[in-house]
Amino acid sequence: GSYVEVQDVAANLWLVQGNLVGSGTLATS
C-alpha cells in the first residue's frame, strides 16, 4: 500500500509526493 508519485518537472529535478506504510519506530526514507 506504500505509494510514491514522481514527476519530471525540470532538467535534473523530480517532484515527489508519497504516502508510505511502515511499522516500528519510523525513520527517514
PDB file of all heavy atoms in Angstrom:
ATOM      1  N   GLY A   1       0.808  -1.218   0.000  1.00  0.00           N
ATOM      2  CA  GLY A   1       0.000   0.000   0.000  1.00  0.00           C
ATOM      3  C   GLY A   1       0.840   1.267   0.000  1.00  0.00           C
ATOM      4  O   GLY A   1       0.320   2.352  -0.256  1.00  0.00           O
ATOM      5  N   SER A   2       2.127   1.164   0.259  1.00  0.00           N
ATOM      6  CA  SER A   2       3.013   2.328   0.147  1.00  0.00           C
ATOM      7  C   SER A   2       2.974   2.818  -1.297  1.00  0.00           C
ATOM      8  O   SER A   2       2.957   2.018  -2.238  1.00  0.00           O
ATOM      9  CB  SER A   2       4.445   1.959   0.527  1.00  0.00           C
ATOM     10  OG  SER A   2       4.548   1.601   1.884  1.00  0.00           O
ATOM     11  N   TYR A   3       2.957   4.150  -1.482  1.00  0.00           N
ATOM     12  CA  TYR A   3       2.749   4.718  -2.811  1.00  0.00           C
ATOM     13  C   TYR A   3       3.603   5.970  -2.987  1.00  0.00           C
ATOM     14  O   TYR A   3       3.639   6.829  -2.104  1.00  0.00           O
ATOM     15  CB  TYR A   3       1.271   5.076  -2.984  1.00  0.00           C
ATOM     16  CG  TYR A   3       0.934   5.738  -4.290  1.00  0.00           C
ATOM     17  CD1 TYR A   3       0.787   5.000  -5.454  1.00  0.00           C
ATOM     18  CD2 TYR A   3       0.750   7.119  -4.365  1.00  0.00           C
ATOM     19  CE1 TYR A   3       0.471   5.602  -6.656  1.00  0.00           C
ATOM     20  CE2 TYR A   3       0.434   7.734  -5.568  1.00  0.00           C
ATOM     21  CZ  TYR A   3       0.294   6.979  -6.709  1.00  0.00           C
ATOM     22  OH  TYR A   3      -0.016   7.573  -7.900  1.00  0.00           O
ATOM     23  N   VAL A   4       4.278   6.064  -4.124  1.00  0.00           N
ATOM     24  CA  VAL A   4       5.091   7.233  -4.451  1.00  0.00           C
ATOM     25  C   VAL A   4       4.766   7.656  -5.876  1.00  0.00           C
ATOM     26  O   VAL A   4       4.653   6.816  -6.777  1.00  0.00           O
ATOM     27  CB  VAL A   4       6.608   6.919  -4.341  1.00  0.00           C
ATOM     28  CG1 VAL A   4       7.450   8.109  -4.797  1.00  0.00           C
ATOM     29  CG2 VAL A   4       6.973   6.516  -2.924  1.00  0.00           C
ATOM     30  N   GLU A   5       4.599   8.960  -6.063  1.00  0.00           N
ATOM     31  CA  GLU A   5       4.404   9.508  -7.398  1.00  0.00           C
ATOM     32  C   GLU A   5       5.523  10.511  -7.659  1.00  0.00           C
ATOM     33  O   GLU A   5       5.805  11.355  -6.815  1.00  0.00           O
ATOM     34  CB  GLU A   5       3.041  10.196  -7.491  1.00  0.00           C
ATOM     35  CG  GLU A   5       2.712  10.713  -8.869  1.00  0.00           C
ATOM     36  CD  GLU A   5       1.289  11.237  -8.958  1.00  0.00           C
ATOM     37  OE1 GLU A   5       0.347  10.427  -8.839  1.00  0.00           O
ATOM     38  OE2 GLU A   5       1.138  12.451  -9.139  1.00  0.00           O
ATOM     39  N   VAL A   6       6.165  10.387  -8.810  1.00  0.00           N
ATOM     40  CA  VAL A   6       7.248  11.298  -9.177  1.00  0.00           C
ATOM     41  C   VAL A   6       6.911  11.951 -10.514  1.00  0.00           C
ATOM     42  O   VAL A   6       6.320  11.317 -11.390  1.00  0.00           O
ATOM     43  CB  VAL A   6       8.614  10.580  -9.255  1.00  0.00           C
ATOM     44  CG1 VAL A   6       9.028  10.065  -7.888  1.00  0.00           C
ATOM     45  CG2 VAL A   6       8.597   9.451 -10.247  1.00  0.00           C
ATOM     46  N   GLN A   7       7.265  13.236 -10.631  1.00  0.00           N
ATOM     47  CA  GLN A   7       7.026  13.953 -11.880  1.00  0.00           C
ATOM     48  C   GLN A   7       8.306  14.658 -12.305  1.00  0.00           C
ATOM     49  O   GLN A   7       8.965  15.323 -11.504  1.00  0.00           O
ATOM     50  CB  GLN A   7       5.905  14.980 -11.726  1.00  0.00           C
ATOM     51  CG  GLN A   7       5.590  15.686 -13.039  1.00  0.00           C
ATOM     52  CD  GLN A   7       4.378  16.587 -12.952  1.00  0.00           C
ATOM     53  OE1 GLN A   7       3.886  16.890 -11.876  1.00  0.00           O
ATOM     54  NE2 GLN A   7       3.895  17.023 -14.092  1.00  0.00           N
ATOM     55  N   ASP A   8       8.637  14.515 -13.570  1.00  0.00           N
ATOM     56  CA  ASP A   8       9.804  15.151 -14.173  1.00  0.00           C
ATOM     57  C   ASP A   8       9.444  16.620 -14.428  1.00  0.00           C
ATOM     58  O   ASP A   8       8.756  16.933 -15.386  1.00  0.00           O
ATOM     59  CB  ASP A   8      10.135  14.407 -15.478  1.00  0.00           C
ATOM     60  CG  ASP A   8      11.319  14.993 -16.222  1.00  0.00           C
ATOM     61  OD1 ASP A   8      11.890  16.004 -15.776  1.00  0.00           O
ATOM     62  OD2 ASP A   8      11.671  14.428 -17.275  1.00  0.00           O
ATOM     63  N   VAL A   9       9.908  17.532 -13.553  1.00  0.00           N
ATOM     64  CA  VAL A   9       9.472  18.929 -13.635  1.00  0.00           C
ATOM     65  C   VAL A   9      10.494  19.873 -14.248  1.00  0.00           C
ATOM     66  O   VAL A   9      10.145  20.974 -14.654  1.00  0.00           O
ATOM     67  CB  VAL A   9       9.042  19.469 -12.251  1.00  0.00           C
ATOM     68  CG1 VAL A   9       7.802  18.750 -11.759  1.00  0.00           C
ATOM     69  CG2 VAL A   9      10.158  19.369 -11.239  1.00  0.00           C
ATOM     70  N   ALA A  10      11.759  19.471 -14.318  1.00  0.00           N
ATOM     71  CA  ALA A  10      12.798  20.322 -14.900  1.00  0.00           C
ATOM     72  C   ALA A  10      14.033  19.471 -15.143  1.00  0.00           C
ATOM     73  O   ALA A  10      14.137  18.342 -14.643  1.00  0.00           O
ATOM     74  CB  ALA A  10      13.137  21.478 -13.956  1.00  0.00           C
ATOM     75  N   ALA A  11      14.980  20.030 -15.866  1.00  0.00           N
ATOM     76  CA  ALA A  11      16.244  19.326 -16.049  1.00  0.00           C
ATOM     77  C   ALA A  11      16.829  19.032 -14.670  1.00  0.00           C
ATOM     78  O   ALA A  11      16.900  19.925 -13.820  1.00  0.00           O
ATOM     79  CB  ALA A  11      17.215  20.169 -16.868  1.00  0.00           C
ATOM     80  N   ASN A  12      17.162  17.788 -14.427  1.00  0.00           N
ATOM     81  CA  ASN A  12      17.783  17.329 -13.179  1.00  0.00           C
ATOM     82  C   ASN A  12      16.886  17.428 -11.953  1.00  0.00           C
ATOM     83  O   ASN A  12      17.398  17.421 -10.829  1.00  0.00           O
ATOM     84  CB  ASN A  12      19.093  18.090 -12.904  1.00  0.00           C
ATOM     85  CG  ASN A  12      20.069  17.983 -14.046  1.00  0.00           C
ATOM     86  OD1 ASN A  12      20.488  18.974 -14.616  1.00  0.00           O
ATOM     87  ND2 ASN A  12      20.418  16.762 -14.423  1.00  0.00           N
ATOM     88  N   LEU A  13      15.550  17.507 -12.118  1.00  0.00           N
ATOM     89  CA  LEU A  13      14.686  17.688 -10.948  1.00  0.00           C
ATOM     90  C   LEU A  13      13.396  16.878 -11.040  1.00  0.00           C
ATOM     91  O   LEU A  13      12.612  17.023 -11.990  1.00  0.00           O
ATOM     92  CB  LEU A  13      14.344  19.162 -10.762  1.00  0.00           C
ATOM     93  CG  LEU A  13      13.602  19.502  -9.467  1.00  0.00           C
ATOM     94  CD1 LEU A  13      14.457  19.176  -8.246  1.00  0.00           C
ATOM     95  CD2 LEU A  13      13.201  20.962  -9.471  1.00  0.00           C
ATOM     96  N   TRP A  14      13.175  16.048 -10.001  1.00  0.00           N
ATOM     97  CA  TRP A  14      11.946  15.262  -9.844  1.00  0.00           C
ATOM     98  C   TRP A  14      11.144  15.824  -8.685  1.00  0.00           C
ATOM     99  O   TRP A  14      11.691  16.102  -7.612  1.00  0.00           O
ATOM    100  CB  TRP A  14      12.289  13.803  -9.538  1.00  0.00           C
ATOM    101  CG  TRP A  14      12.841  13.075 -10.715  1.00  0.00           C
ATOM    102  CD1 TRP A  14      14.147  12.863 -11.021  1.00  0.00           C
ATOM    103  CD2 TRP A  14      12.079  12.476 -11.761  1.00  0.00           C
ATOM    104  NE1 TRP A  14      14.251  12.169 -12.188  1.00  0.00           N
ATOM    105  CE2 TRP A  14      12.999  11.917 -12.672  1.00  0.00           C
ATOM    106  CE3 TRP A  14      10.719  12.364 -12.021  1.00  0.00           C
ATOM    107  CZ2 TRP A  14      12.594  11.245 -13.823  1.00  0.00           C
ATOM    108  CZ3 TRP A  14      10.318  11.689 -13.164  1.00  0.00           C
ATOM    109  CH2 TRP A  14      11.251  11.137 -14.054  1.00  0.00           C
ATOM    110  N   LEU A  15       9.830  15.993  -8.880  1.00  0.00           N
ATOM    111  CA  LEU A  15       8.901  16.353  -7.813  1.00  0.00           C
ATOM    112  C   LEU A  15       8.323  15.057  -7.275  1.00  0.00           C
ATOM    113  O   LEU A  15       7.821  14.231  -8.042  1.00  0.00           O
ATOM    114  CB  LEU A  15       7.776  17.244  -8.333  1.00  0.00           C
ATOM    115  CG  LEU A  15       6.652  17.548  -7.351  1.00  0.00           C
ATOM    116  CD1 LEU A  15       7.176  18.324  -6.147  1.00  0.00           C
ATOM    117  CD2 LEU A  15       5.537  18.304  -8.052  1.00  0.00           C
ATOM    118  N   VAL A  16       8.397  14.868  -5.947  1.00  0.00           N
ATOM    119  CA  VAL A  16       7.968  13.617  -5.319  1.00  0.00           C
ATOM    120  C   VAL A  16       6.860  13.896  -4.324  1.00  0.00           C
ATOM    121  O   VAL A  16       6.920  14.851  -3.546  1.00  0.00           O
ATOM    122  CB  VAL A  16       9.147  12.949  -4.572  1.00  0.00           C
ATOM    123  CG1 VAL A  16       8.693  11.695  -3.852  1.00  0.00           C
ATOM    124  CG2 VAL A  16      10.282  12.653  -5.526  1.00  0.00           C
ATOM    125  N   GLN A  17       5.856  13.053  -4.335  1.00  0.00           N
ATOM    126  CA  GLN A  17       4.866  13.030  -3.268  1.00  0.00           C
ATOM    127  C   GLN A  17       4.534  11.574  -2.994  1.00  0.00           C
ATOM    128  O   GLN A  17       4.537  10.751  -3.907  1.00  0.00           O
ATOM    129  CB  GLN A  17       3.627  13.845  -3.608  1.00  0.00           C
ATOM    130  CG  GLN A  17       3.033  13.608  -4.956  1.00  0.00           C
ATOM    131  CD  GLN A  17       1.949  14.618  -5.260  1.00  0.00           C
ATOM    132  OE1 GLN A  17       1.304  15.153  -4.377  1.00  0.00           O
ATOM    133  NE2 GLN A  17       1.723  14.864  -6.523  1.00  0.00           N
ATOM    134  N   GLY A  18       4.325  11.254  -1.739  1.00  0.00           N
ATOM    135  CA  GLY A  18       4.064   9.872  -1.437  1.00  0.00           C
ATOM    136  C   GLY A  18       3.469   9.657  -0.066  1.00  0.00           C
ATOM    137  O   GLY A  18       3.555  10.519   0.811  1.00  0.00           O
ATOM    138  N   ASN A  19       2.861   8.509   0.076  1.00  0.00           N
ATOM    139  CA  ASN A  19       2.321   8.045   1.345  1.00  0.00           C
ATOM    140  C   ASN A  19       2.812   6.615   1.539  1.00  0.00           C
ATOM    141  O   ASN A  19       2.417   5.718   0.810  1.00  0.00           O
ATOM    142  CB  ASN A  19       0.789   8.088   1.342  1.00  0.00           C
ATOM    143  CG  ASN A  19       0.276   9.504   1.324  1.00  0.00           C
ATOM    144  OD1 ASN A  19       0.474  10.251   2.279  1.00  0.00           O
ATOM    145  ND2 ASN A  19      -0.349   9.898   0.232  1.00  0.00           N
ATOM    146  N   LEU A  20       3.692   6.463   2.501  1.00  0.00           N
ATOM    147  CA  LEU A  20       4.274   5.157   2.771  1.00  0.00           C
ATOM    148  C   LEU A  20       3.624   4.540   3.991  1.00  0.00           C
ATOM    149  O   LEU A  20       3.114   5.252   4.854  1.00  0.00           O
ATOM    150  CB  LEU A  20       5.787   5.276   2.991  1.00  0.00           C
ATOM    151  CG  LEU A  20       6.570   6.019   1.904  1.00  0.00           C
ATOM    152  CD1 LEU A  20       8.058   6.021   2.239  1.00  0.00           C
ATOM    153  CD2 LEU A  20       6.300   5.429   0.531  1.00  0.00           C
ATOM    154  N   VAL A  21       3.651   3.223   4.065  1.00  0.00           N
ATOM    155  CA  VAL A  21       3.129   2.486   5.206  1.00  0.00           C
ATOM    156  C   VAL A  21       4.302   1.740   5.823  1.00  0.00           C
ATOM    157  O   VAL A  21       5.033   1.040   5.131  1.00  0.00           O
ATOM    158  CB  VAL A  21       2.029   1.486   4.785  1.00  0.00           C
ATOM    159  CG1 VAL A  21       1.473   0.754   6.003  1.00  0.00           C
ATOM    160  CG2 VAL A  21       0.922   2.202   4.013  1.00  0.00           C
ATOM    161  N   GLY A  22       4.489   1.938   7.144  1.00  0.00           N
ATOM    162  CA  GLY A  22       5.607   1.303   7.836  1.00  0.00           C
ATOM    163  C   GLY A  22       5.179   0.697   9.152  1.00  0.00           C
ATOM    164  O   GLY A  22       4.000   0.695   9.507  1.00  0.00           O
ATOM    165  N   SER A  23       6.159   0.191   9.889  1.00  0.00           N
ATOM    166  CA  SER A  23       5.909  -0.373  11.212  1.00  0.00           C
ATOM    167  C   SER A  23       7.116  -0.102  12.090  1.00  0.00           C
ATOM    168  O   SER A  23       8.203   0.197  11.589  1.00  0.00           O
ATOM    169  CB  SER A  23       5.656  -1.886  11.108  1.00  0.00           C
ATOM    170  OG  SER A  23       6.794  -2.545  10.594  1.00  0.00           O
ATOM    171  N   GLY A  24       6.922  -0.167  13.375  1.00  0.00           N
ATOM    172  CA  GLY A  24       8.031   0.097  14.297  1.00  0.00           C
ATOM    173  C   GLY A  24       8.232   1.583  14.494  1.00  0.00           C
ATOM    174  O   GLY A  24       7.324   2.385  14.295  1.00  0.00           O
ATOM    175  N   THR A  25       9.437   1.977  14.871  1.00  0.00           N
ATOM    176  CA  THR A  25       9.783   3.390  15.040  1.00  0.00           C
ATOM    177  C   THR A  25      10.172   3.934  13.676  1.00  0.00           C
ATOM    178  O   THR A  25      11.195   3.557  13.114  1.00  0.00           O
ATOM    179  CB  THR A  25      10.943   3.552  16.036  1.00  0.00           C
ATOM    180  OG1 THR A  25      10.552   2.969  17.283  1.00  0.00           O
ATOM    181  CG2 THR A  25      11.283   5.010  16.240  1.00  0.00           C
ATOM    182  N   LEU A  26       9.343   4.819  13.139  1.00  0.00           N
ATOM    183  CA  LEU A  26       9.534   5.300  11.779  1.00  0.00           C
ATOM    184  C   LEU A  26      10.806   6.128  11.649  1.00  0.00           C
ATOM    185  O   LEU A  26      11.211   6.823  12.576  1.00  0.00           O
ATOM    186  CB  LEU A  26       8.317   6.105  11.341  1.00  0.00           C
ATOM    187  CG  LEU A  26       6.999   5.333  11.330  1.00  0.00           C
ATOM    188  CD1 LEU A  26       5.849   6.236  10.923  1.00  0.00           C
ATOM    189  CD2 LEU A  26       7.080   4.119  10.417  1.00  0.00           C
ATOM    190  N   ALA A  27      11.423   6.053  10.468  1.00  0.00           N
ATOM    191  CA  ALA A  27      12.672   6.754  10.187  1.00  0.00           C
ATOM    192  C   ALA A  27      12.624   7.305   8.766  1.00  0.00           C
ATOM    193  O   ALA A  27      11.743   6.970   7.979  1.00  0.00           O
ATOM    194  CB  ALA A  27      13.847   5.783  10.348  1.00  0.00           C
ATOM    195  N   THR A  28      13.591   8.142   8.428  1.00  0.00           N
ATOM    196  CA  THR A  28      13.633   8.754   7.102  1.00  0.00           C
ATOM    197  C   THR A  28      13.838   7.709   6.009  1.00  0.00           C
ATOM    198  O   THR A  28      14.581   6.754   6.159  1.00  0.00           O
ATOM    199  CB  THR A  28      14.723   9.841   7.022  1.00  0.00           C
ATOM    200  OG1 THR A  28      14.610  10.491   5.748  1.00  0.00           O
ATOM    201  CG2 THR A  28      16.110   9.269   7.192  1.00  0.00           C
ATOM    202  N   SER A  29      13.165   7.947   4.885  1.00  0.00           N
ATOM    203  CA  SER A  29      13.289   7.047   3.745  1.00  0.00           C
ATOM    204  C   SER A  29      14.091   7.677   2.609  1.00  0.00           C
ATOM    205  O   SER A  29      14.352   7.010   1.622  1.00  0.00           O
ATOM    206  CB  SER A  29      11.889   6.672   3.226  1.00  0.00           C
ATOM    207  OG  SER A  29      11.193   7.828   2.826  1.00  0.00           O
TER     208      SER A  29
END
